């Protein structure tokens, strides 16, 4: 049908050209040709639209194989650092200009006014930084900085959680509430914070720490437990070092002789069976860890702990939330 239309259109044009050579008639002929061509192209455009819609339905998504997660994380981290440095430089330049302007305007004004202006600039700077300076920083050194060994078996006599609870019940009847401390110690591996855990049995884990003695302070007791669990024997001839105990970030309560603990003390509980305090501990830049032979020291990535109370318990699984209040400086 398209060919017939074109033939008719051309015949009409030829007839009109024979009847007159006027320029206006040529224009009419060209218009007739364009109308016929538009009618032919209409069907083809409809087919193209159908093809376009089908291609949208079958949109191909590019899949990337062998993604180097570590490299991409490093690139993102470098970009973030560069952006932060550029922002800091811009803020410093703005502060310098403001200070020079203020100095030029005030001349020999009282020093107190200069101090007030500096304070205002500092306040503006703090707001610009979004309060990041208020977050406490913890340096997390690389795992390669540390050396690991073993020493004589210590402590852990319970082969299961049930055995531990039975022993705790007997001790409670003699001494009352048990007060325990735990250390959140971190190392850096593949640009990811890893938390140090002690594995007691194939299915039982704990933070370095333990029960306090009667009248013992939290920090002193935690340092004693860290020396007991992680430092080499004194007669090994290795250099001694100290851990830096930081903030207490959580307190958990055991309300009955059961595995479940709570990050609060229920109103109806007046005599909790155990109180567990968790502290962030800064490790030395380099040191030698000696772990009792009956225990195994693990470095568990923070994402493995997150929302995983079934494996690690609610106290350890809460650590990623607790660390969100800190700026972790990965060395």
Foldseek 3Di string as FASTA:
>chain_A
DLVVLQVVLVVVLVVLCVVDVDPVSVVVSVVSNVVSVVVVCVVVVVVVVVVVVVCVVVPDDDDDPPDDPLVVVVVVVVVVVVVVVVVVVVLVVVVVVVLVVVCVVQPPDDVVVSVVVVVVSVVVVCVVVVVQVVQAEAEAEAPVQEAEAADAADDDPDPDLLSVLVVLVVVCVPPNAWEKEFEFHWHDDSNFTWTKWKDQDPQAIGGQITTDDVPDDPVVRRFVSCCVFWNDDPVPPFDDDGKAWADFQFKWFAQHSDQDIHRDDDPVGDGTRYIYIYTYIHDDNHDYTYGHPSIDMDTGTLVVLAPPCVRHHPVSSCVVVSCVSHHYHYD
